[in-house]
Amino acid sequence: MKAATWWVDNFGFEIVDDSTRDTGDRFVKCRSGNGVPVNISGPLDGQTLVESDSGPNLGLEHFGFDVVDIDAEIERLGKVGAPLVEGPNALPDGTRFCWVSAPDNVRVELIQWPG
């Protein structure tokens, strides 16, 4: 619930269900501001999970959010426990992007489009 609340507070997610399934894992169903379902789950009964990391990896590596002011977002997110891990970088067209480490070491990209 701590991780789900962080997403609610910092990216406008909505918690739509919080339950413990028959397999013993807590399952918190969320919805992003634009309606994308995001599920946060804990370990099954008796299961020990390895620590995650916010570096590049195989599989679903990260997801991103468009932001208006990347520098302000880096500062804001750093203050709430999501430190900068890479960037910000810039493309020739002026697009700026970086990655932060959200709770549970989730890798999140921030993208500021030119304009």
Protein backbone atom coordinates (compact mmCIF):
# COMPACT_ATOMS: atom_id res chain seq x y z
CA MET A 1 0.00 0.00 0.00
CA LYS A 2 2.93 2.31 0.66
CA ALA A 3 4.03 2.07 -2.99
CA ALA A 4 0.47 2.50 -4.29
CA THR A 5 -0.04 5.59 -2.14
CA TRP A 6 3.19 7.07 -3.51
CA TRP A 7 1.86 6.70 -7.07
CA VAL A 8 -1.46 8.26 -6.04
CA ASP A 9 0.28 11.22 -4.40
CA ASN A 10 2.86 11.85 -7.11
CA PHE A 11 1.31 10.82 -10.43
CA GLY A 12 -2.43 11.07 -9.79
CA PHE A 13 -3.15 7.32 -9.75
CA GLU A 14 -6.43 6.12 -8.24
CA ILE A 15 -6.64 2.99 -6.07
CA VAL A 16 -9.61 0.98 -7.31
CA ASP A 17 -9.17 -2.18 -5.20
CA ASP A 18 -6.97 -3.43 -2.37
CA SER A 19 -7.32 -7.11 -1.54
CA THR A 20 -5.41 -10.21 -0.54
CA ARG A 21 -5.86 -13.02 -3.03
CA ASP A 22 -6.26 -16.73 -2.20
CA THR A 23 -2.55 -17.19 -2.97
CA GLY A 24 -1.68 -14.85 -0.06
CA ASP A 25 -0.38 -11.93 -2.06
CA ARG A 26 -1.70 -8.44 -1.50
CA PHE A 27 -2.94 -7.03 -4.80
CA VAL A 28 -3.56 -3.30 -5.16
CA LYS A 29 -5.32 -2.34 -8.38
CA CYS A 30 -4.67 1.23 -9.51
CA ARG A 31 -5.61 3.34 -12.48
CA SER A 32 -3.40 6.08 -13.93
CA GLY A 33 -4.76 9.54 -14.63
CA ASN A 34 -5.49 8.56 -18.23
CA GLY A 35 -7.16 5.25 -17.31
CA VAL A 36 -4.31 2.75 -17.71
CA PRO A 37 -4.61 -0.08 -15.16
CA VAL A 38 -1.52 -0.59 -13.00
CA ASN A 39 -1.37 -3.46 -10.50
CA ILE A 40 0.99 -3.56 -7.52
CA SER A 41 1.40 -6.92 -5.82
CA GLY A 42 3.33 -8.46 -2.97
CA PRO A 43 4.85 -11.93 -2.59
CA LEU A 44 2.77 -15.10 -2.50
CA ASP A 45 2.55 -16.96 0.82
CA GLY A 46 6.01 -18.31 1.59
CA GLN A 47 7.62 -16.59 -1.39
CA THR A 48 10.75 -14.44 -1.08
CA LEU A 49 11.29 -12.03 -3.94
CA VAL A 50 14.68 -10.66 -4.98
CA GLU A 51 15.27 -6.93 -4.78
CA SER A 52 14.58 -5.07 -7.99
CA ASP A 53 16.82 -2.39 -9.40
CA SER A 54 16.10 0.71 -11.44
CA GLY A 55 18.77 0.06 -14.06
CA PRO A 56 18.25 -1.19 -17.60
CA ASN A 57 17.12 -4.82 -17.70
CA LEU A 58 15.40 -7.48 -19.79
CA GLY A 59 11.62 -7.44 -19.96
CA LEU A 60 9.46 -4.49 -19.02
CA GLU A 61 12.22 -2.08 -18.16
CA HIS A 62 10.38 1.16 -17.58
CA PHE A 63 7.46 3.35 -18.47
CA GLY A 64 7.37 7.07 -19.02
CA PHE A 65 5.43 10.22 -18.32
CA ASP A 66 5.32 13.37 -20.41
CA VAL A 67 6.17 16.43 -18.30
CA VAL A 68 6.10 20.15 -18.98
CA ASP A 69 9.24 21.07 -16.97
CA ILE A 70 11.68 18.18 -16.55
CA ASP A 71 13.98 20.10 -14.20
CA ALA A 72 11.09 20.91 -11.84
CA GLU A 73 9.91 17.27 -11.96
CA ILE A 74 13.40 15.95 -11.19
CA GLU A 75 13.54 18.24 -8.16
CA ARG A 76 9.99 17.42 -7.01
CA LEU A 77 10.41 13.67 -7.38
CA GLY A 78 13.80 13.69 -5.68
CA LYS A 79 12.16 15.25 -2.63
CA VAL A 80 9.57 12.45 -2.44
CA GLY A 81 11.96 9.53 -2.77
CA ALA A 82 12.47 9.12 -6.52
CA PRO A 83 16.07 10.12 -7.19
CA LEU A 84 17.50 10.82 -10.61
CA VAL A 85 19.41 7.79 -11.95
CA GLU A 86 20.29 8.94 -15.47
CA GLY A 87 20.14 12.18 -17.46
CA PRO A 88 18.67 14.51 -18.25
CA ASN A 89 19.67 13.99 -21.86
CA ALA A 90 18.68 16.02 -24.92
CA LEU A 91 17.99 15.09 -28.52
CA PRO A 92 18.81 17.42 -31.43
CA ASP A 93 15.13 18.37 -31.74
CA GLY A 94 15.07 19.66 -28.15
CA THR A 95 13.37 16.66 -26.54
CA ARG A 96 14.74 16.13 -23.03
CA PHE A 97 14.48 12.89 -21.07
CA CYS A 98 15.78 11.23 -17.92
CA TRP A 99 15.10 8.31 -15.61
CA VAL A 100 14.23 8.32 -11.93
CA SER A 101 13.99 5.48 -9.45
CA ALA A 102 10.49 5.31 -7.95
CA PRO A 103 9.60 3.15 -4.90
CA ASP A 104 10.56 -0.51 -5.21
CA ASN A 105 13.25 0.60 -7.68
CA VAL A 106 10.80 1.06 -10.53
CA ARG A 107 12.51 2.78 -13.46
CA VAL A 108 10.46 5.75 -14.70
CA GLU A 109 11.28 7.93 -17.70
CA LEU A 110 10.34 11.60 -17.76
CA ILE A 111 10.01 13.17 -21.20
CA GLN A 112 9.81 16.88 -21.97
CA TRP A 113 8.87 17.50 -25.59
CA PRO A 114 10.16 20.60 -27.37
CA GLY A 115 7.88 23.51 -27.73
